[in-house]
Amino acid sequence: TAASTERRVLAAVDDALSKGIEEAPALVVGEE
């Protein structure tokens, strides 16, 4: 229930979107 947990989850989603991920599953190999 901590606000920091929600922020981490949303930040992780934003980071994934910035990598071009739009749906799961998605495999990122070697960050490239």
Full PDB file with SEQRES, HELIX, SHEET, SSBOND, CRYST1, ORIGX, SCALE, CONECT and MASTER records, all heavy atoms in Angstrom:
SEQRES   1 A   32  THR ALA ALA SER THR GLU ARG ARG VAL LEU ALA ALA VAL          
SEQRES   2 A   32  ASP ASP ALA LEU SER LYS GLY ILE GLU GLU ALA PRO ALA          
SEQRES   3 A   32  LEU VAL VAL GLY GLU GLU                                      
HELIX    1 AA1 ALA A    3  SER A   18  1                                  16    
CRYST1    1.000    1.000    1.000  90.00  90.00  90.00 P 1           1          
ORIGX1      1.000000  0.000000  0.000000        0.00000                         
ORIGX2      0.000000  1.000000  0.000000        0.00000                         
ORIGX3      0.000000  0.000000  1.000000        0.00000                         
SCALE1      1.000000  0.000000  0.000000        0.00000                         
SCALE2      0.000000  1.000000  0.000000        0.00000                         
SCALE3      0.000000  0.000000  1.000000        0.00000                         
ATOM      1  N   THR A   1       0.805  -1.218   0.000  1.00  0.00           N  
ATOM      2  CA  THR A   1       0.000   0.000   0.000  1.00  0.00           C  
ATOM      3  C   THR A   1       0.843   1.275   0.000  1.00  0.00           C  
ATOM      4  O   THR A   1       0.288   2.373  -0.035  1.00  0.00           O  
ATOM      5  CB  THR A   1      -0.924   0.023   1.231  1.00  0.00           C  
ATOM      6  OG1 THR A   1      -0.138  -0.103   2.422  1.00  0.00           O  
ATOM      7  CG2 THR A   1      -1.926  -1.129   1.165  1.00  0.00           C  
ATOM      8  N   ALA A   2       2.153   1.137   0.026  1.00  0.00           N  
ATOM      9  CA  ALA A   2       3.020   2.314   0.064  1.00  0.00           C  
ATOM     10  C   ALA A   2       2.987   3.049  -1.274  1.00  0.00           C  
ATOM     11  O   ALA A   2       3.019   2.430  -2.343  1.00  0.00           O  
ATOM     12  CB  ALA A   2       4.450   1.902   0.403  1.00  0.00           C  
ATOM     13  N   ALA A   3       2.946   4.374  -1.194  1.00  0.00           N  
ATOM     14  CA  ALA A   3       2.949   5.176  -2.422  1.00  0.00           C  
ATOM     15  C   ALA A   3       4.219   4.952  -3.228  1.00  0.00           C  
ATOM     16  O   ALA A   3       4.202   5.008  -4.465  1.00  0.00           O  
ATOM     17  CB  ALA A   3       2.788   6.654  -2.072  1.00  0.00           C  
ATOM     18  N   SER A   4       5.321   4.675  -2.540  1.00  0.00           N  
ATOM     19  CA  SER A   4       6.584   4.457  -3.243  1.00  0.00           C  
ATOM     20  C   SER A   4       6.535   3.214  -4.121  1.00  0.00           C  
ATOM     21  O   SER A   4       7.173   3.169  -5.185  1.00  0.00           O  
ATOM     22  CB  SER A   4       7.733   4.341  -2.235  1.00  0.00           C  
ATOM     23  OG  SER A   4       7.505   3.277  -1.329  1.00  0.00           O  
ATOM     24  N   THR A   5       5.772   2.200  -3.703  1.00  0.00           N  
ATOM     25  CA  THR A   5       5.643   0.982  -4.514  1.00  0.00           C  
ATOM     26  C   THR A   5       4.905   1.287  -5.812  1.00  0.00           C  
ATOM     27  O   THR A   5       5.321   0.863  -6.898  1.00  0.00           O  
ATOM     28  CB  THR A   5       4.913  -0.116  -3.734  1.00  0.00           C  
ATOM     29  OG1 THR A   5       5.652  -0.432  -2.547  1.00  0.00           O  
ATOM     30  CG2 THR A   5       4.758  -1.377  -4.579  1.00  0.00           C  
ATOM     31  N   GLU A   6       3.827   2.026  -5.706  1.00  0.00           N  
ATOM     32  CA  GLU A   6       3.088   2.404  -6.915  1.00  0.00           C  
ATOM     33  C   GLU A   6       3.965   3.224  -7.846  1.00  0.00           C  
ATOM     34  O   GLU A   6       3.936   3.024  -9.070  1.00  0.00           O  
ATOM     35  CB  GLU A   6       1.838   3.189  -6.541  1.00  0.00           C  
ATOM     36  CG  GLU A   6       1.011   3.600  -7.760  1.00  0.00           C  
ATOM     37  CD  GLU A   6      -0.225   4.404  -7.383  1.00  0.00           C  
ATOM     38  OE1 GLU A   6      -0.376   4.756  -6.201  1.00  0.00           O  
ATOM     39  OE2 GLU A   6      -1.031   4.699  -8.300  1.00  0.00           O  
ATOM     40  N   ARG A   7       4.740   4.127  -7.286  1.00  0.00           N  
ATOM     41  CA  ARG A   7       5.618   4.955  -8.129  1.00  0.00           C  
ATOM     42  C   ARG A   7       6.649   4.095  -8.847  1.00  0.00           C  
ATOM     43  O   ARG A   7       6.949   4.332 -10.027  1.00  0.00           O  
ATOM     44  CB  ARG A   7       6.320   6.011  -7.276  1.00  0.00           C  
ATOM     45  CG  ARG A   7       5.406   7.153  -6.839  1.00  0.00           C  
ATOM     46  CD  ARG A   7       6.217   8.336  -6.332  1.00  0.00           C  
ATOM     47  NE  ARG A   7       6.999   7.996  -5.145  1.00  0.00           N  
ATOM     48  CZ  ARG A   7       6.575   8.145  -3.894  1.00  0.00           C  
ATOM     49  NH1 ARG A   7       5.357   8.624  -3.671  1.00  0.00           N  
ATOM     50  NH2 ARG A   7       7.355   7.837  -2.876  1.00  0.00           N  
ATOM     51  N   ARG A   8       7.198   3.097  -8.143  1.00  0.00           N  
ATOM     52  CA  ARG A   8       8.185   2.209  -8.783  1.00  0.00           C  
ATOM     53  C   ARG A   8       7.562   1.437  -9.935  1.00  0.00           C  
ATOM     54  O   ARG A   8       8.175   1.280 -10.994  1.00  0.00           O  
ATOM     55  CB  ARG A   8       8.783   1.242  -7.759  1.00  0.00           C  
ATOM     56  CG  ARG A   8       9.758   1.855  -6.798  1.00  0.00           C  
ATOM     57  CD  ARG A   8      10.656   0.794  -6.170  1.00  0.00           C  
ATOM     58  NE  ARG A   8       9.915  -0.295  -5.577  1.00  0.00           N  
ATOM     59  CZ  ARG A   8       9.445  -0.291  -4.321  1.00  0.00           C  
ATOM     60  NH1 ARG A   8       9.604   0.779  -3.554  1.00  0.00           N  
ATOM     61  NH2 ARG A   8       8.803  -1.334  -3.840  1.00  0.00           N  
ATOM     62  N   VAL A   9       6.352   0.955  -9.729  1.00  0.00           N  
ATOM     63  CA  VAL A   9       5.677   0.184 -10.776  1.00  0.00           C  
ATOM     64  C   VAL A   9       5.413   1.059 -11.992  1.00  0.00           C  
ATOM     65  O   VAL A   9       5.692   0.667 -13.134  1.00  0.00           O  
ATOM     66  CB  VAL A   9       4.359  -0.415 -10.247  1.00  0.00           C  
ATOM     67  CG1 VAL A   9       3.548  -1.032 -11.390  1.00  0.00           C  
ATOM     68  CG2 VAL A   9       4.642  -1.466  -9.181  1.00  0.00           C  
ATOM     69  N   LEU A  10       4.886   2.252 -11.772  1.00  0.00           N  
ATOM     70  CA  LEU A  10       4.582   3.146 -12.892  1.00  0.00           C  
ATOM     71  C   LEU A  10       5.852   3.600 -13.597  1.00  0.00           C  
ATOM     72  O   LEU A  10       5.867   3.716 -14.832  1.00  0.00           O  
ATOM     73  CB  LEU A  10       3.791   4.351 -12.387  1.00  0.00           C  
ATOM     74  CG  LEU A  10       2.389   4.038 -11.843  1.00  0.00           C  
ATOM     75  CD1 LEU A  10       1.728   5.301 -11.327  1.00  0.00           C  
ATOM     76  CD2 LEU A  10       1.529   3.365 -12.903  1.00  0.00           C  
ATOM     77  N   ALA A  11       6.917   3.816 -12.820  1.00  0.00           N  
ATOM     78  CA  ALA A  11       8.197   4.207 -13.431  1.00  0.00           C  
ATOM     79  C   ALA A  11       8.746   3.071 -14.287  1.00  0.00           C  
ATOM     80  O   ALA A  11       9.308   3.308 -15.363  1.00  0.00           O  
ATOM     81  CB  ALA A  11       9.208   4.592 -12.354  1.00  0.00           C  
ATOM     82  N   ALA A  12       8.574   1.838 -13.814  1.00  0.00           N  
ATOM     83  CA  ALA A  12       9.044   0.681 -14.583  1.00  0.00           C  
ATOM     84  C   ALA A  12       8.253   0.531 -15.880  1.00  0.00           C  
ATOM     85  O   ALA A  12       8.815   0.186 -16.926  1.00  0.00           O  
ATOM     86  CB  ALA A  12       8.924  -0.589 -13.738  1.00  0.00           C  
ATOM     87  N   VAL A  13       6.953   0.788 -15.825  1.00  0.00           N  
ATOM     88  CA  VAL A  13       6.134   0.732 -17.038  1.00  0.00           C  
ATOM     89  C   VAL A  13       6.582   1.806 -18.023  1.00  0.00           C  
ATOM     90  O   VAL A  13       6.729   1.555 -19.224  1.00  0.00           O  
ATOM     91  CB  VAL A  13       4.639   0.890 -16.699  1.00  0.00           C  
ATOM     92  CG1 VAL A  13       3.809   1.027 -17.978  1.00  0.00           C  
ATOM     93  CG2 VAL A  13       4.147  -0.300 -15.879  1.00  0.00           C  
ATOM     94  N   ASP A  14       6.809   3.022 -17.526  1.00  0.00           N  
ATOM     95  CA  ASP A  14       7.282   4.104 -18.392  1.00  0.00           C  
ATOM     96  C   ASP A  14       8.623   3.759 -19.034  1.00  0.00           C  
ATOM     97  O   ASP A  14       8.857   4.043 -20.218  1.00  0.00           O  
ATOM     98  CB  ASP A  14       7.416   5.403 -17.591  1.00  0.00           C  
ATOM     99  CG  ASP A  14       6.075   6.035 -17.280  1.00  0.00           C  
ATOM    100  OD1 ASP A  14       5.091   5.688 -17.957  1.00  0.00           O  
ATOM    101  OD2 ASP A  14       6.005   6.864 -16.357  1.00  0.00           O  
ATOM    102  N   ASP A  15       9.506   3.144 -18.248  1.00  0.00           N  
ATOM    103  CA  ASP A  15      10.814   2.760 -18.775  1.00  0.00           C  
ATOM    104  C   ASP A  15      10.662   1.717 -19.879  1.00  0.00           C  
ATOM    105  O   ASP A  15      11.348   1.782 -20.907  1.00  0.00           O  
ATOM    106  CB  ASP A  15      11.684   2.204 -17.641  1.00  0.00           C  
ATOM    107  CG  ASP A  15      13.074   1.804 -18.123  1.00  0.00           C  
ATOM    108  OD1 ASP A  15      13.846   2.692 -18.531  1.00  0.00           O  
ATOM    109  OD2 ASP A  15      13.390   0.593 -18.098  1.00  0.00           O  
ATOM    110  N   ALA A  16       9.757   0.763 -19.663  1.00  0.00           N  
ATOM    111  CA  ALA A  16       9.518  -0.258 -20.688  1.00  0.00           C  
ATOM    112  C   ALA A  16       8.953   0.366 -21.959  1.00  0.00           C  
ATOM    113  O   ALA A  16       9.363   0.026 -23.078  1.00  0.00           O  
ATOM    114  CB  ALA A  16       8.571  -1.328 -20.148  1.00  0.00           C  
ATOM    115  N   LEU A  17       8.022   1.293 -21.800  1.00  0.00           N  
ATOM    116  CA  LEU A  17       7.446   1.964 -22.963  1.00  0.00           C  
ATOM    117  C   LEU A  17       8.515   2.723 -23.736  1.00  0.00           C  
ATOM    118  O   LEU A  17       8.493   2.761 -24.976  1.00  0.00           O  
ATOM    119  CB  LEU A  17       6.338   2.917 -22.520  1.00  0.00           C  
ATOM    120  CG  LEU A  17       5.056   2.257 -21.998  1.00  0.00           C  
ATOM    121  CD1 LEU A  17       4.150   3.309 -21.372  1.00  0.00           C  
ATOM    122  CD2 LEU A  17       4.321   1.525 -23.113  1.00  0.00           C  
ATOM    123  N   SER A  18       9.474   3.316 -23.008  1.00  0.00           N  
ATOM    124  CA  SER A  18      10.553   4.057 -23.679  1.00  0.00           C  
ATOM    125  C   SER A  18      11.450   3.137 -24.483  1.00  0.00           C  
ATOM    126  O   SER A  18      12.147   3.585 -25.401  1.00  0.00           O  
ATOM    127  CB  SER A  18      11.382   4.825 -22.644  1.00  0.00           C  
ATOM    128  OG  SER A  18      12.200   3.953 -21.883  1.00  0.00           O  
ATOM    129  N   LYS A  19      11.446   1.849 -24.162  1.00  0.00           N  
ATOM    130  CA  LYS A  19      12.234   0.859 -24.903  1.00  0.00           C  
ATOM    131  C   LYS A  19      11.475   0.307 -26.096  1.00  0.00           C  
ATOM    132  O   LYS A  19      11.971  -0.569 -26.801  1.00  0.00           O  
ATOM    133  CB  LYS A  19      12.648  -0.285 -23.977  1.00  0.00           C  
ATOM    134  CG  LYS A  19      13.647   0.081 -22.889  1.00  0.00           C  
ATOM    135  CD  LYS A  19      13.988  -1.147 -22.050  1.00  0.00           C  
ATOM    136  CE  LYS A  19      15.162  -0.902 -21.115  1.00  0.00           C  
ATOM    137  NZ  LYS A  19      14.836   0.033 -20.026  1.00  0.00           N  
ATOM    138  N   GLY A  20      10.254   0.772 -26.298  1.00  0.00           N  
ATOM    139  CA  GLY A  20       9.460   0.296 -27.412  1.00  0.00           C  
ATOM    140  C   GLY A  20       8.551  -0.865 -27.076  1.00  0.00           C  
ATOM    141  O   GLY A  20       7.932  -1.452 -27.967  1.00  0.00           O  
ATOM    142  N   ILE A  21       8.447  -1.204 -25.805  1.00  0.00           N  
ATOM    143  CA  ILE A  21       7.593  -2.320 -25.383  1.00  0.00           C  
ATOM    144  C   ILE A  21       6.165  -1.827 -25.254  1.00  0.00           C  
ATOM    145  O   ILE A  21       5.895  -0.870 -24.524  1.00  0.00           O  
ATOM    146  CB  ILE A  21       8.104  -2.913 -24.056  1.00  0.00           C  
ATOM    147  CG1 ILE A  21       9.489  -3.519 -24.269  1.00  0.00           C  
ATOM    148  CG2 ILE A  21       7.128  -3.962 -23.516  1.00  0.00           C  
ATOM    149  CD1 ILE A  21      10.216  -3.853 -22.993  1.00  0.00           C  
ATOM    150  N   GLU A  22       5.259  -2.485 -25.933  1.00  0.00           N  
ATOM    151  CA  GLU A  22       3.858  -2.079 -25.916  1.00  0.00           C  
ATOM    152  C   GLU A  22       2.945  -3.182 -25.410  1.00  0.00           C  
ATOM    153  O   GLU A  22       1.760  -2.932 -25.146  1.00  0.00           O  
ATOM    154  CB  GLU A  22       3.421  -1.645 -27.313  1.00  0.00           C  
ATOM    155  CG  GLU A  22       4.201  -0.438 -27.847  1.00  0.00           C  
ATOM    156  CD  GLU A  22       3.775  -0.032 -29.227  1.00  0.00           C  
ATOM    157  OE1 GLU A  22       3.017  -0.808 -29.865  1.00  0.00           O  
ATOM    158  OE2 GLU A  22       4.182   1.055 -29.678  1.00  0.00           O  
ATOM    159  N   GLU A  23       3.456  -4.377 -25.305  1.00  0.00           N  
ATOM    160  CA  GLU A  23       2.657  -5.489 -24.815  1.00  0.00           C  
ATOM    161  C   GLU A  23       3.574  -6.557 -24.250  1.00  0.00           C  
ATOM    162  O   GLU A  23       4.780  -6.570 -24.517  1.00  0.00           O  
ATOM    163  CB  GLU A  23       1.802  -6.079 -25.936  1.00  0.00           C  
ATOM    164  CG  GLU A  23       2.632  -6.660 -27.079  1.00  0.00           C  
ATOM    165  CD  GLU A  23       1.783  -7.251 -28.186  1.00  0.00           C  
ATOM    166  OE1 GLU A  23       0.565  -7.381 -27.975  1.00  0.00           O  
ATOM    167  OE2 GLU A  23       2.331  -7.587 -29.232  1.00  0.00           O  
ATOM    168  N   ALA A  24       2.993  -7.420 -23.438  1.00  0.00           N  
ATOM    169  CA  ALA A  24       3.729  -8.542 -22.872  1.00  0.00           C  
ATOM    170  C   ALA A  24       3.136  -9.849 -23.418  1.00  0.00           C  
ATOM    171  O   ALA A  24       1.931  -9.919 -23.668  1.00  0.00           O  
ATOM    172  CB  ALA A  24       3.639  -8.515 -21.352  1.00  0.00           C  
ATOM    173  N   PRO A  25       4.015 -10.852 -23.636  1.00  0.00           N  
ATOM    174  CA  PRO A  25       5.438 -10.897 -23.306  1.00  0.00           C  
ATOM    175  C   PRO A  25       6.305 -10.164 -24.326  1.00  0.00           C  
ATOM    176  O   PRO A  25       5.955 -10.072 -25.499  1.00  0.00           O  
ATOM    177  CB  PRO A  25       5.740 -12.394 -23.333  1.00  0.00           C  
ATOM    178  CG  PRO A  25       4.789 -12.947 -24.358  1.00  0.00           C  
ATOM    179  CD  PRO A  25       3.529 -12.145 -24.181  1.00  0.00           C  
ATOM    180  N   ALA A  26       7.427  -9.668 -23.822  1.00  0.00           N  
ATOM    181  CA  ALA A  26       8.423  -9.025 -24.679  1.00  0.00           C  
ATOM    182  C   ALA A  26       9.797  -9.350 -24.114  1.00  0.00           C  
ATOM    183  O   ALA A  26      10.040  -9.165 -22.917  1.00  0.00           O  
ATOM    184  CB  ALA A  26       8.207  -7.529 -24.728  1.00  0.00           C  
ATOM    185  N   LEU A  27      10.673  -9.836 -24.962  1.00  0.00           N  
ATOM    186  CA  LEU A  27      12.018 -10.226 -24.553  1.00  0.00           C  
ATOM    187  C   LEU A  27      13.018  -9.207 -25.083  1.00  0.00           C  
ATOM    188  O   LEU A  27      13.058  -8.924 -26.282  1.00  0.00           O  
ATOM    189  CB  LEU A  27      12.357 -11.619 -25.097  1.00  0.00           C  
ATOM    190  CG  LEU A  27      13.739 -12.168 -24.735  1.00  0.00           C  
ATOM    191  CD1 LEU A  27      13.855 -12.446 -23.242  1.00  0.00           C  
ATOM    192  CD2 LEU A  27      14.032 -13.436 -25.554  1.00  0.00           C  
ATOM    193  N   VAL A  28      13.830  -8.655 -24.175  1.00  0.00           N  
ATOM    194  CA  VAL A  28      14.891  -7.724 -24.561  1.00  0.00           C  
ATOM    195  C   VAL A  28      16.222  -8.453 -24.434  1.00  0.00           C  
ATOM    196  O   VAL A  28      16.589  -8.923 -23.353  1.00  0.00           O  
ATOM    197  CB  VAL A  28      14.885  -6.461 -23.677  1.00  0.00           C  
ATOM    198  CG1 VAL A  28      16.052  -5.555 -24.052  1.00  0.00           C  
ATOM    199  CG2 VAL A  28      13.564  -5.720 -23.826  1.00  0.00           C  
ATOM    200  N   VAL A  29      16.924  -8.543 -25.541  1.00  0.00           N  
ATOM    201  CA  VAL A  29      18.187  -9.286 -25.594  1.00  0.00           C  
ATOM    202  C   VAL A  29      19.344  -8.301 -25.626  1.00  0.00           C  
ATOM    203  O   VAL A  29      19.456  -7.485 -26.541  1.00  0.00           O  
ATOM    204  CB  VAL A  29      18.236 -10.193 -26.846  1.00  0.00           C  
ATOM    205  CG1 VAL A  29      19.509 -11.038 -26.834  1.00  0.00           C  
ATOM    206  CG2 VAL A  29      17.002 -11.072 -26.925  1.00  0.00           C  
ATOM    207  N   GLY A  30      20.195  -8.367 -24.604  1.00  0.00           N  
ATOM    208  CA  GLY A  30      21.379  -7.526 -24.566  1.00  0.00           C  
ATOM    209  C   GLY A  30      21.102  -6.040 -24.623  1.00  0.00           C  
ATOM    210  O   GLY A  30      21.940  -5.267 -25.092  1.00  0.00           O  
ATOM    211  N   GLU A  31      19.914  -5.631 -24.193  1.00  0.00           N  
ATOM    212  CA  GLU A  31      19.519  -4.219 -24.211  1.00  0.00           C  
ATOM    213  C   GLU A  31      19.500  -3.635 -25.620  1.00  0.00           C  
ATOM    214  O   GLU A  31      19.520  -2.416 -25.797  1.00  0.00           O  
ATOM    215  CB  GLU A  31      20.423  -3.375 -23.300  1.00  0.00           C  
ATOM    216  CG  GLU A  31      20.388  -3.807 -21.848  1.00  0.00           C  
ATOM    217  CD  GLU A  31      21.202  -2.901 -20.944  1.00  0.00           C  
ATOM    218  OE1 GLU A  31      21.799  -1.935 -21.450  1.00  0.00           O  
ATOM    219  OE2 GLU A  31      21.228  -3.150 -19.726  1.00  0.00           O  
ATOM    220  N   GLU A  32      19.437  -4.504 -26.640  1.00  0.00           N  
ATOM    221  CA  GLU A  32      19.466  -4.030 -28.028  1.00  0.00           C  
ATOM    222  C   GLU A  32      18.351  -4.621 -28.874  1.00  0.00           C  
ATOM    223  O   GLU A  32      17.726  -3.904 -29.664  1.00  0.00           O  
ATOM    224  CB  GLU A  32      20.817  -4.374 -28.670  1.00  0.00           C  
ATOM    225  CG  GLU A  32      22.000  -3.643 -28.080  1.00  0.00           C  
ATOM    226  CD  GLU A  32      23.276  -4.023 -28.798  1.00  0.00           C  
ATOM    227  OE1 GLU A  32      23.718  -5.192 -28.661  1.00  0.00           O  
ATOM    228  OE2 GLU A  32      23.822  -3.163 -29.504  1.00  0.00           O  
TER     229      GLU A  32                                                      
MASTER        0    0    0    1    0    0    0    6  228    1    0    3          
END                                                                             
